[in-house]
Amino acid sequence: NLAAVWDLPVIFLVENNGYGLSTPSKDQFRCAHIADKGIGYGIESKT
């Protein structure tokens, strides 16, 4: 969120292993791809 607020030129690399804190990601996120979560913060995302 801070990167979006300050409009920082930053690259985040995320590896999705299918789990988040021992819960399957399909039960945690409604988005199809984890990269889609950046849209809510105004951050361009690519997969």
N, C-alpha and C. Protein backbone atom coordinates (compact mmCIF):
# COMPACT_ATOMS: atom_id res chain seq x y z
N ASN A 1 0.82 -1.18 0.00
CA ASN A 1 0.00 0.00 0.00
C ASN A 1 0.87 1.25 0.00
N LEU A 2 1.93 1.28 0.76
CA LEU A 2 2.79 2.45 0.83
C LEU A 2 3.46 2.73 -0.51
N ALA A 3 3.81 1.68 -1.24
CA ALA A 3 4.40 1.87 -2.57
C ALA A 3 3.42 2.57 -3.50
N ALA A 4 2.14 2.25 -3.38
CA ALA A 4 1.12 2.90 -4.21
C ALA A 4 0.88 4.34 -3.75
N VAL A 5 0.82 4.56 -2.45
CA VAL A 5 0.58 5.91 -1.92
C VAL A 5 1.68 6.86 -2.34
N TRP A 6 2.93 6.41 -2.26
CA TRP A 6 4.07 7.26 -2.61
C TRP A 6 4.44 7.15 -4.08
N ASP A 7 3.68 6.35 -4.86
CA ASP A 7 3.92 6.17 -6.29
C ASP A 7 5.37 5.78 -6.57
N LEU A 8 5.86 4.79 -5.84
CA LEU A 8 7.25 4.35 -5.95
C LEU A 8 7.47 3.46 -7.17
N PRO A 9 8.59 3.61 -7.86
CA PRO A 9 8.92 2.71 -8.96
C PRO A 9 9.53 1.43 -8.39
N VAL A 10 8.71 0.44 -8.14
CA VAL A 10 9.17 -0.76 -7.46
C VAL A 10 8.65 -2.00 -8.19
N ILE A 11 9.42 -3.07 -8.11
CA ILE A 11 9.01 -4.36 -8.68
C ILE A 11 8.95 -5.38 -7.55
N PHE A 12 7.80 -6.02 -7.40
CA PHE A 12 7.63 -7.08 -6.42
C PHE A 12 7.54 -8.40 -7.19
N LEU A 13 8.33 -9.36 -6.81
CA LEU A 13 8.25 -10.70 -7.39
C LEU A 13 7.61 -11.61 -6.34
N VAL A 14 6.54 -12.27 -6.73
CA VAL A 14 5.79 -13.10 -5.79
C VAL A 14 5.66 -14.50 -6.37
N GLU A 15 6.02 -15.48 -5.58
CA GLU A 15 5.83 -16.87 -5.96
C GLU A 15 4.64 -17.41 -5.17
N ASN A 16 3.63 -17.86 -5.87
CA ASN A 16 2.44 -18.39 -5.22
C ASN A 16 2.59 -19.91 -5.09
N ASN A 17 2.76 -20.39 -3.87
CA ASN A 17 2.88 -21.83 -3.65
C ASN A 17 1.52 -22.48 -3.38
N GLY A 18 0.46 -21.69 -3.50
CA GLY A 18 -0.88 -22.24 -3.31
C GLY A 18 -1.38 -22.17 -1.89
N TYR A 19 -0.55 -21.66 -0.97
CA TYR A 19 -0.95 -21.57 0.43
C TYR A 19 -0.58 -20.21 1.01
N GLY A 20 -1.36 -19.76 1.98
CA GLY A 20 -1.06 -18.55 2.73
C GLY A 20 -1.35 -18.82 4.19
N LEU A 21 -0.33 -18.88 5.00
CA LEU A 21 -0.49 -19.19 6.43
C LEU A 21 -1.24 -20.49 6.63
N SER A 22 -0.86 -21.51 5.90
CA SER A 22 -1.39 -22.88 5.97
C SER A 22 -2.82 -23.02 5.47
N THR A 23 -3.36 -22.00 4.83
CA THR A 23 -4.70 -22.08 4.24
C THR A 23 -4.56 -22.04 2.72
N PRO A 24 -5.23 -22.93 2.00
CA PRO A 24 -5.13 -22.89 0.54
C PRO A 24 -5.54 -21.52 0.00
N SER A 25 -4.78 -21.02 -0.97
CA SER A 25 -5.05 -19.68 -1.50
C SER A 25 -6.43 -19.60 -2.15
N LYS A 26 -6.94 -20.71 -2.67
CA LYS A 26 -8.28 -20.69 -3.28
C LYS A 26 -9.35 -20.36 -2.24
N ASP A 27 -9.06 -20.57 -0.96
CA ASP A 27 -10.00 -20.25 0.11
C ASP A 27 -9.75 -18.87 0.71
N GLN A 28 -8.66 -18.20 0.32
CA GLN A 28 -8.32 -16.90 0.88
C GLN A 28 -8.60 -15.74 -0.06
N PHE A 29 -8.47 -15.96 -1.38
CA PHE A 29 -8.59 -14.87 -2.35
C PHE A 29 -9.72 -15.15 -3.32
N ARG A 30 -10.46 -14.12 -3.66
CA ARG A 30 -11.52 -14.27 -4.65
C ARG A 30 -11.00 -13.98 -6.06
N CYS A 31 -9.82 -13.39 -6.18
CA CYS A 31 -9.28 -13.07 -7.50
C CYS A 31 -8.70 -14.33 -8.15
N ALA A 32 -8.68 -14.33 -9.47
CA ALA A 32 -8.18 -15.49 -10.21
C ALA A 32 -6.67 -15.64 -10.06
N HIS A 33 -5.95 -14.53 -10.06
CA HIS A 33 -4.49 -14.54 -9.94
C HIS A 33 -4.09 -13.63 -8.80
N ILE A 34 -3.08 -14.00 -8.05
CA ILE A 34 -2.64 -13.19 -6.92
C ILE A 34 -2.18 -11.80 -7.39
N ALA A 35 -1.72 -11.71 -8.63
CA ALA A 35 -1.30 -10.41 -9.17
C ALA A 35 -2.47 -9.44 -9.27
N ASP A 36 -3.69 -9.95 -9.35
CA ASP A 36 -4.87 -9.09 -9.44
C ASP A 36 -5.12 -8.31 -8.16
N LYS A 37 -4.51 -8.70 -7.06
CA LYS A 37 -4.70 -7.98 -5.80
C LYS A 37 -4.14 -6.56 -5.87
N GLY A 38 -3.15 -6.32 -6.71
CA GLY A 38 -2.56 -4.99 -6.85
C GLY A 38 -3.51 -3.97 -7.44
N ILE A 39 -4.50 -4.41 -8.19
CA ILE A 39 -5.46 -3.50 -8.82
C ILE A 39 -6.17 -2.65 -7.77
N GLY A 40 -6.50 -3.23 -6.65
CA GLY A 40 -7.18 -2.50 -5.58
C GLY A 40 -6.34 -1.38 -4.98
N TYR A 41 -5.03 -1.44 -5.19
CA TYR A 41 -4.12 -0.41 -4.68
C TYR A 41 -3.65 0.53 -5.78
N GLY A 42 -4.17 0.33 -6.99
CA GLY A 42 -3.74 1.16 -8.11
C GLY A 42 -2.37 0.78 -8.63
N ILE A 43 -1.96 -0.47 -8.41
CA ILE A 43 -0.65 -0.95 -8.85
C ILE A 43 -0.83 -1.86 -10.06
N GLU A 44 -0.10 -1.55 -11.13
CA GLU A 44 -0.15 -2.38 -12.32
C GLU A 44 0.49 -3.73 -12.01
N SER A 45 -0.16 -4.80 -12.43
CA SER A 45 0.33 -6.14 -12.14
C SER A 45 0.38 -6.97 -13.41
N LYS A 46 1.34 -7.87 -13.49
CA LYS A 46 1.46 -8.77 -14.63
C LYS A 46 1.75 -10.17 -14.13
N THR A 47 1.29 -11.17 -14.89
CA THR A 47 1.61 -12.56 -14.57
C THR A 47 2.33 -13.19 -15.72
